[in-house]
N, C-alpha and C. Protein backbone atom coordinates (compact mmCIF):
# COMPACT_ATOMS: atom_id res chain seq x y z
N UNK A 1 -55.12 -147.12 29.25
CA UNK A 1 -56.35 -147.32 29.60
C UNK A 1 -57.35 -148.30 29.52
N UNK A 2 -57.33 -148.65 28.13
CA UNK A 2 -58.19 -149.76 27.45
C UNK A 2 -57.36 -151.21 28.12
N UNK A 3 -56.01 -151.21 28.09
CA UNK A 3 -55.38 -152.45 28.48
C UNK A 3 -55.68 -152.66 29.95
N UNK A 4 -56.07 -151.69 30.81
CA UNK A 4 -56.29 -151.74 32.45
C UNK A 4 -57.80 -152.50 32.30
N UNK A 5 -58.56 -151.99 31.45
CA UNK A 5 -60.22 -152.17 31.42
C UNK A 5 -60.14 -153.66 30.73
N UNK A 6 -59.48 -154.09 30.14
CA UNK A 6 -59.35 -155.53 29.75
C UNK A 6 -59.12 -156.24 30.80
N UNK A 7 -57.96 -156.00 31.30
CA UNK A 7 -57.57 -156.71 32.49
C UNK A 7 -58.54 -156.85 33.63
N UNK A 8 -59.03 -155.80 33.99
CA UNK A 8 -60.25 -155.74 34.86
C UNK A 8 -61.23 -156.85 34.48
N UNK A 9 -61.66 -156.73 33.22
CA UNK A 9 -62.79 -158.02 32.77
C UNK A 9 -62.24 -159.48 32.76
N UNK A 10 -61.09 -159.48 32.42
CA UNK A 10 -60.50 -160.70 32.62
C UNK A 10 -60.36 -160.96 34.18
N UNK A 11 -59.98 -160.46 35.26
CA UNK A 11 -60.24 -160.98 36.67
C UNK A 11 -61.95 -160.95 36.84
N UNK A 12 -62.87 -160.20 36.44
CA UNK A 12 -64.29 -160.75 36.75
C UNK A 12 -64.62 -162.02 36.01
N UNK A 13 -63.87 -162.30 34.97
CA UNK A 13 -64.33 -163.33 34.16
C UNK A 13 -63.97 -164.68 35.18
N UNK A 14 -62.60 -164.59 35.40
CA UNK A 14 -62.04 -165.75 36.41
C UNK A 14 -63.11 -165.86 37.43
N UNK A 15 -63.47 -164.89 38.43
CA UNK A 15 -64.08 -165.00 39.65
C UNK A 15 -65.74 -165.55 39.12
N UNK A 16 -66.04 -165.13 38.02
CA UNK A 16 -67.43 -165.27 37.70
C UNK A 16 -67.39 -166.75 37.51
N UNK A 17 -66.66 -167.08 36.57
CA UNK A 17 -66.67 -168.58 36.04
C UNK A 17 -66.10 -169.72 36.88
N UNK A 18 -65.12 -169.38 37.84
CA UNK A 18 -64.34 -170.74 38.42
C UNK A 18 -65.08 -170.73 39.94
N UNK A 19 -65.30 -171.89 40.45
CA UNK A 19 -66.12 -172.04 41.50
C UNK A 19 -64.87 -171.83 42.61
N UNK A 20 -65.54 -171.43 43.82
CA UNK A 20 -64.76 -171.06 44.93
C UNK A 20 -63.91 -172.30 45.21
N UNK A 21 -64.49 -173.08 45.26
CA UNK A 21 -63.69 -174.53 45.86
C UNK A 21 -62.48 -174.86 44.91
N UNK A 22 -62.87 -174.50 43.78
CA UNK A 22 -61.58 -174.86 42.70
C UNK A 22 -60.48 -173.85 42.99
N UNK A 23 -60.82 -172.69 43.36
CA UNK A 23 -59.67 -171.88 43.37
C UNK A 23 -58.73 -172.32 44.86
N UNK A 24 -59.49 -172.57 45.82
CA UNK A 24 -58.82 -172.83 46.92
C UNK A 24 -58.23 -174.19 46.88
N UNK A 25 -58.51 -175.05 45.91
CA UNK A 25 -57.87 -176.64 45.79
C UNK A 25 -56.58 -175.66 44.99
N UNK A 26 -56.55 -175.10 44.04
CA UNK A 26 -55.45 -174.64 43.16
C UNK A 26 -54.43 -173.77 44.32
N UNK A 27 -55.14 -173.11 44.83
CA UNK A 27 -53.97 -172.31 46.10
C UNK A 27 -53.60 -173.15 47.12
N UNK A 28 -53.85 -174.59 47.10
CA UNK A 28 -53.70 -175.74 48.46
C UNK A 28 -53.49 -175.46 49.60
N UNK A 29 -54.64 -174.56 49.69
CA UNK A 29 -55.18 -174.18 51.27
C UNK A 29 -55.72 -175.02 52.14
N UNK A 30 -54.90 -175.78 53.09
CA UNK A 30 -55.07 -176.89 53.60
C UNK A 30 -55.83 -176.78 55.29
N UNK A 31 -55.31 -176.06 55.93
CA UNK A 31 -55.80 -175.73 57.26
C UNK A 31 -57.34 -175.12 57.23
N UNK A 32 -58.28 -175.88 58.10
CA UNK A 32 -59.59 -175.49 57.74
C UNK A 32 -60.23 -174.26 58.01
N UNK A 33 -59.26 -173.60 58.87
CA UNK A 33 -59.92 -172.22 59.42
C UNK A 33 -59.52 -171.35 58.28
N UNK A 34 -58.21 -171.26 57.49
CA UNK A 34 -58.05 -170.67 56.47
C UNK A 34 -58.68 -171.06 55.28
N UNK A 35 -59.24 -172.01 55.14
CA UNK A 35 -60.16 -172.72 54.03
C UNK A 35 -61.54 -171.97 54.12
N UNK A 36 -62.10 -171.86 55.43
CA UNK A 36 -63.10 -171.60 55.48
C UNK A 36 -63.54 -169.77 55.42
N UNK A 37 -62.37 -169.26 55.71
CA UNK A 37 -62.20 -167.66 55.43
C UNK A 37 -62.03 -167.45 53.99
N UNK A 38 -61.40 -168.43 53.61
CA UNK A 38 -60.86 -168.36 52.03
C UNK A 38 -62.09 -168.73 51.14
N UNK A 39 -63.08 -169.54 51.21
CA UNK A 39 -64.01 -169.80 50.57
C UNK A 39 -64.98 -168.61 50.96
N UNK A 40 -65.10 -168.25 51.91
CA UNK A 40 -66.32 -167.29 52.20
C UNK A 40 -65.52 -166.04 51.22
N UNK A 41 -64.36 -165.30 51.30
CA UNK A 41 -63.80 -164.65 50.41
C UNK A 41 -63.95 -164.76 49.12
N UNK A 42 -63.93 -165.92 48.54
CA UNK A 42 -63.66 -166.46 47.07
C UNK A 42 -65.64 -166.08 46.87
N UNK A 43 -66.27 -166.71 47.46
CA UNK A 43 -67.64 -166.44 47.43
C UNK A 43 -68.15 -164.90 47.03
N UNK A 44 -67.60 -163.99 48.26
CA UNK A 44 -68.06 -162.86 47.81
C UNK A 44 -67.49 -162.21 46.56
N UNK A 45 -66.24 -162.37 46.16
CA UNK A 45 -65.95 -161.95 45.03
C UNK A 45 -66.56 -162.63 43.84
N UNK A 46 -66.95 -163.82 43.83
CA UNK A 46 -67.73 -164.22 42.62
C UNK A 46 -68.98 -163.61 42.39
N UNK A 47 -69.64 -162.82 43.61
CA UNK A 47 -70.94 -162.35 43.63
C UNK A 47 -70.51 -160.97 43.28
N UNK A 48 -69.54 -160.18 43.56
CA UNK A 48 -69.32 -159.11 43.35
C UNK A 48 -69.21 -158.92 41.91
N UNK A 49 -68.26 -159.69 41.26
CA UNK A 49 -67.80 -159.78 39.71
C UNK A 49 -68.96 -160.18 39.16
N UNK A 50 -70.22 -161.01 39.32
CA UNK A 50 -71.59 -160.78 38.90
C UNK A 50 -72.20 -159.55 38.50
N UNK A 51 -72.18 -159.01 39.94
CA UNK A 51 -72.99 -157.56 40.26
C UNK A 51 -72.29 -156.65 39.27
N UNK A 52 -71.05 -156.68 39.18
CA UNK A 52 -70.13 -155.51 38.36
C UNK A 52 -70.61 -155.72 36.62
N UNK A 53 -70.54 -157.07 36.56
CA UNK A 53 -71.03 -157.26 35.16
C UNK A 53 -72.46 -156.92 34.46
N UNK A 54 -73.54 -157.21 35.46
CA UNK A 54 -75.00 -156.68 35.41
C UNK A 54 -74.83 -155.19 35.11
N UNK A 55 -74.22 -154.53 36.09
CA UNK A 55 -74.00 -152.82 36.27
C UNK A 55 -73.63 -152.66 34.82
N UNK A 56 -72.31 -153.32 34.47
CA UNK A 56 -71.81 -152.81 33.25
C UNK A 56 -72.88 -152.97 32.09
N UNK A 57 -73.44 -154.14 32.01
CA UNK A 57 -74.16 -154.42 30.94
C UNK A 57 -75.33 -153.40 30.54
N UNK A 58 -76.18 -153.14 32.00
CA UNK A 58 -77.12 -152.12 32.11
C UNK A 58 -76.68 -151.03 31.59
N UNK A 59 -75.42 -150.48 32.17
CA UNK A 59 -74.91 -149.01 31.64
C UNK A 59 -74.59 -148.76 30.42
N UNK A 60 -73.88 -149.69 29.98
CA UNK A 60 -73.38 -149.71 28.31
C UNK A 60 -73.62 -150.85 27.64
N UNK A 61 -74.88 -151.18 27.24
CA UNK A 61 -75.07 -152.68 26.45
C UNK A 61 -74.12 -152.84 25.42
N UNK A 62 -73.84 -151.87 25.06
CA UNK A 62 -72.88 -151.96 23.60
C UNK A 62 -71.44 -151.78 23.68
N UNK A 63 -70.84 -151.89 24.73
CA UNK A 63 -69.54 -151.61 25.13
C UNK A 63 -68.83 -152.57 24.23
N UNK A 64 -67.19 -152.77 24.22
CA UNK A 64 -66.59 -153.38 23.28
C UNK A 64 -66.19 -155.04 23.71
N UNK A 65 -66.09 -155.38 25.23
CA UNK A 65 -66.24 -156.80 25.41
C UNK A 65 -67.35 -157.38 26.01
N UNK A 66 -68.44 -156.72 25.50
CA UNK A 66 -69.90 -157.40 26.16
C UNK A 66 -69.96 -159.00 25.68
N UNK A 67 -69.40 -159.36 24.68
CA UNK A 67 -69.31 -160.78 24.24
C UNK A 67 -68.74 -161.87 25.36
N UNK A 68 -67.67 -161.35 26.03
CA UNK A 68 -67.19 -162.05 27.08
C UNK A 68 -68.18 -162.38 28.09
N UNK A 69 -68.85 -161.32 28.34
CA UNK A 69 -69.75 -161.74 29.55
C UNK A 69 -70.88 -162.67 28.98
N UNK A 70 -71.46 -162.55 27.94
CA UNK A 70 -72.60 -163.58 27.47
C UNK A 70 -72.04 -164.76 27.24
């Protein structure tokens, strides 16, 4: 279970630290309509990552991986 939790935090970290434009460039999305949709999705994921981190810190400020967030 701890391993799954750690993986979850890694995913949050990627989405919270990486700009959506960079993710799209890495995925080599070239069609404009797909690019716009992907950008919207990545931005929402980034926002959700930040919100998840905030809720986690507020609920458990002493949890094991808090330094990954800070």
